[in-house]
Amino acid sequence: MYRALEFLTAQGLVSRIESLNAYVPCVHPERDHDCLFFICSRCRASVELEDPRIGGLLAEDAAVLGFVATRRTVEVEGMCAQCTEVGAA
């Protein structure tokens, strides 16, 4: 199973969410892009967002450090809209 996940990850078909120790299908597998995940700490749902500005900033910071990034994944943890509504009720 791990070889299959490694293959799918290498092909850009799935992404690994480190904090959840989970794999999810890529939203845009046809494009090479950075992974930006918003993860609800209550229901554990995740949403992938593609934002080229984040990728650009990460690339700039890496260049300043002389760092060569091979994979860029950003995970933002908080509360989704649905869980926020439930908590406010």
C-alpha atoms as a PDB file:
ATOM      1  CA  MET A   1       0.000   0.000   0.000  1.00  0.00           C
ATOM      2  CA  TYR A   2       2.807   2.432   0.829  1.00  0.00           C
ATOM      3  CA  ARG A   3       4.396   1.940  -2.589  1.00  0.00           C
ATOM      4  CA  ALA A   4       1.085   2.765  -4.231  1.00  0.00           C
ATOM      5  CA  LEU A   5       0.764   5.928  -2.129  1.00  0.00           C
ATOM      6  CA  GLU A   6       4.354   6.894  -2.927  1.00  0.00           C
ATOM      7  CA  PHE A   7       3.648   6.390  -6.628  1.00  0.00           C
ATOM      8  CA  LEU A   8       0.423   8.441  -6.513  1.00  0.00           C
ATOM      9  CA  THR A   9       2.201  11.185  -4.563  1.00  0.00           C
ATOM     10  CA  ALA A  10       5.088  11.259  -7.049  1.00  0.00           C
ATOM     11  CA  GLN A  11       2.585  11.538  -9.923  1.00  0.00           C
ATOM     12  CA  GLY A  12       0.869  14.485  -8.193  1.00  0.00           C
ATOM     13  CA  LEU A  13      -2.404  12.605  -7.838  1.00  0.00           C
ATOM     14  CA  VAL A  14      -2.538  12.625  -4.032  1.00  0.00           C
ATOM     15  CA  SER A  15      -1.096  14.813  -1.291  1.00  0.00           C
ATOM     16  CA  ARG A  16      -0.146  13.885   2.230  1.00  0.00           C
ATOM     17  CA  ILE A  17      -1.507  15.927   5.099  1.00  0.00           C
ATOM     18  CA  GLU A  18       1.199  15.448   7.689  1.00  0.00           C
ATOM     19  CA  SER A  19      -0.780  16.600  10.724  1.00  0.00           C
ATOM     20  CA  LEU A  20      -3.599  14.150   9.965  1.00  0.00           C
ATOM     21  CA  ASN A  21      -1.280  11.373   8.741  1.00  0.00           C
ATOM     22  CA  ALA A  22      -3.648  11.083   5.786  1.00  0.00           C
ATOM     23  CA  TYR A  23      -3.591  11.165   2.007  1.00  0.00           C
ATOM     24  CA  VAL A  24      -6.137  13.114  -0.031  1.00  0.00           C
ATOM     25  CA  PRO A  25      -6.708  13.401  -3.784  1.00  0.00           C
ATOM     26  CA  CYS A  26      -5.138  16.474  -5.388  1.00  0.00           C
ATOM     27  CA  VAL A  27      -7.654  19.072  -6.472  1.00  0.00           C
ATOM     28  CA  HIS A  28      -5.649  19.994  -9.587  1.00  0.00           C
ATOM     29  CA  PRO A  29      -3.481  16.998 -10.514  1.00  0.00           C
ATOM     30  CA  GLU A  30      -2.961  18.341 -14.032  1.00  0.00           C
ATOM     31  CA  ARG A  31      -0.978  21.333 -12.688  1.00  0.00           C
ATOM     32  CA  ASP A  32       2.193  21.452 -10.631  1.00  0.00           C
ATOM     33  CA  HIS A  33       1.318  23.549  -7.596  1.00  0.00           C
ATOM     34  CA  ASP A  34       2.045  23.991  -3.926  1.00  0.00           C
ATOM     35  CA  CYS A  35      -0.339  22.376  -1.485  1.00  0.00           C
ATOM     36  CA  LEU A  36      -2.137  24.691   0.909  1.00  0.00           C
ATOM     37  CA  PHE A  37      -4.493  22.894   3.277  1.00  0.00           C
ATOM     38  CA  PHE A  38      -6.975  24.344   5.742  1.00  0.00           C
ATOM     39  CA  ILE A  39      -7.740  21.714   8.382  1.00  0.00           C
ATOM     40  CA  CYS A  40     -10.573  21.894  10.897  1.00  0.00           C
ATOM     41  CA  SER A  41      -9.362  20.961  14.363  1.00  0.00           C
ATOM     42  CA  ARG A  42     -12.890  19.978  15.366  1.00  0.00           C
ATOM     43  CA  CYS A  43     -14.254  17.789  12.539  1.00  0.00           C
ATOM     44  CA  ARG A  44     -10.839  17.107  10.883  1.00  0.00           C
ATOM     45  CA  ALA A  45     -12.170  18.072   7.434  1.00  0.00           C
ATOM     46  CA  SER A  46      -9.586  19.513   5.070  1.00  0.00           C
ATOM     47  CA  VAL A  47      -9.818  21.806   2.065  1.00  0.00           C
ATOM     48  CA  GLU A  48      -7.041  22.302  -0.465  1.00  0.00           C
ATOM     49  CA  LEU A  49      -6.613  25.790  -1.852  1.00  0.00           C
ATOM     50  CA  GLU A  50      -4.363  26.802  -4.714  1.00  0.00           C
ATOM     51  CA  ASP A  51      -2.818  30.229  -4.190  1.00  0.00           C
ATOM     52  CA  PRO A  52       0.190  31.078  -6.386  1.00  0.00           C
ATOM     53  CA  ARG A  53       1.035  34.026  -4.111  1.00  0.00           C
ATOM     54  CA  ILE A  54       1.968  31.607  -1.308  1.00  0.00           C
ATOM     55  CA  GLY A  55       4.156  29.586  -3.674  1.00  0.00           C
ATOM     56  CA  GLY A  56       5.851  32.767  -4.851  1.00  0.00           C
ATOM     57  CA  LEU A  57       6.608  33.903  -1.312  1.00  0.00           C
ATOM     58  CA  LEU A  58       7.991  30.499  -0.375  1.00  0.00           C
ATOM     59  CA  ALA A  59      10.180  30.464  -3.487  1.00  0.00           C
ATOM     60  CA  GLU A  60      11.513  33.942  -2.680  1.00  0.00           C
ATOM     61  CA  ASP A  61      12.329  33.007   0.911  1.00  0.00           C
ATOM     62  CA  ALA A  62      14.012  29.782  -0.220  1.00  0.00           C
ATOM     63  CA  ALA A  63      16.124  31.700  -2.751  1.00  0.00           C
ATOM     64  CA  VAL A  64      17.276  34.173  -0.074  1.00  0.00           C
ATOM     65  CA  LEU A  65      18.433  31.229   2.035  1.00  0.00           C
ATOM     66  CA  GLY A  66      19.998  29.429  -0.934  1.00  0.00           C
ATOM     67  CA  PHE A  67      17.580  26.604  -0.193  1.00  0.00           C
ATOM     68  CA  VAL A  68      16.230  24.308  -2.898  1.00  0.00           C
ATOM     69  CA  ALA A  69      12.715  23.187  -2.010  1.00  0.00           C
ATOM     70  CA  THR A  70      11.609  19.835  -3.380  1.00  0.00           C
ATOM     71  CA  ARG A  71       8.093  19.881  -1.952  1.00  0.00           C
ATOM     72  CA  ARG A  72       6.030  22.666  -0.410  1.00  0.00           C
ATOM     73  CA  THR A  73       3.018  21.914   1.713  1.00  0.00           C
ATOM     74  CA  VAL A  74       1.400  24.428   4.049  1.00  0.00           C
ATOM     75  CA  GLU A  75      -1.103  23.289   6.658  1.00  0.00           C
ATOM     76  CA  VAL A  76      -3.314  25.799   8.451  1.00  0.00           C
ATOM     77  CA  GLU A  77      -5.296  24.484  11.404  1.00  0.00           C
ATOM     78  CA  GLY A  78      -8.400  26.187  12.730  1.00  0.00           C
ATOM     79  CA  MET A  79     -12.164  25.806  12.624  1.00  0.00           C
ATOM     80  CA  CYS A  80     -14.239  25.391   9.468  1.00  0.00           C
ATOM     81  CA  ALA A  81     -17.324  27.525   8.853  1.00  0.00           C
ATOM     82  CA  GLN A  82     -19.703  24.682   9.685  1.00  0.00           C
ATOM     83  CA  CYS A  83     -18.055  23.906  13.046  1.00  0.00           C
ATOM     84  CA  THR A  84     -17.824  27.623  13.853  1.00  0.00           C
ATOM     85  CA  GLU A  85     -21.597  27.946  13.317  1.00  0.00           C
ATOM     86  CA  VAL A  86     -22.297  24.911  15.521  1.00  0.00           C
ATOM     87  CA  GLY A  87     -20.059  26.312  18.272  1.00  0.00           C
ATOM     88  CA  ALA A  88     -21.769  29.714  18.138  1.00  0.00           C
ATOM     89  CA  ALA A  89     -25.260  28.221  18.373  1.00  0.00           C
END
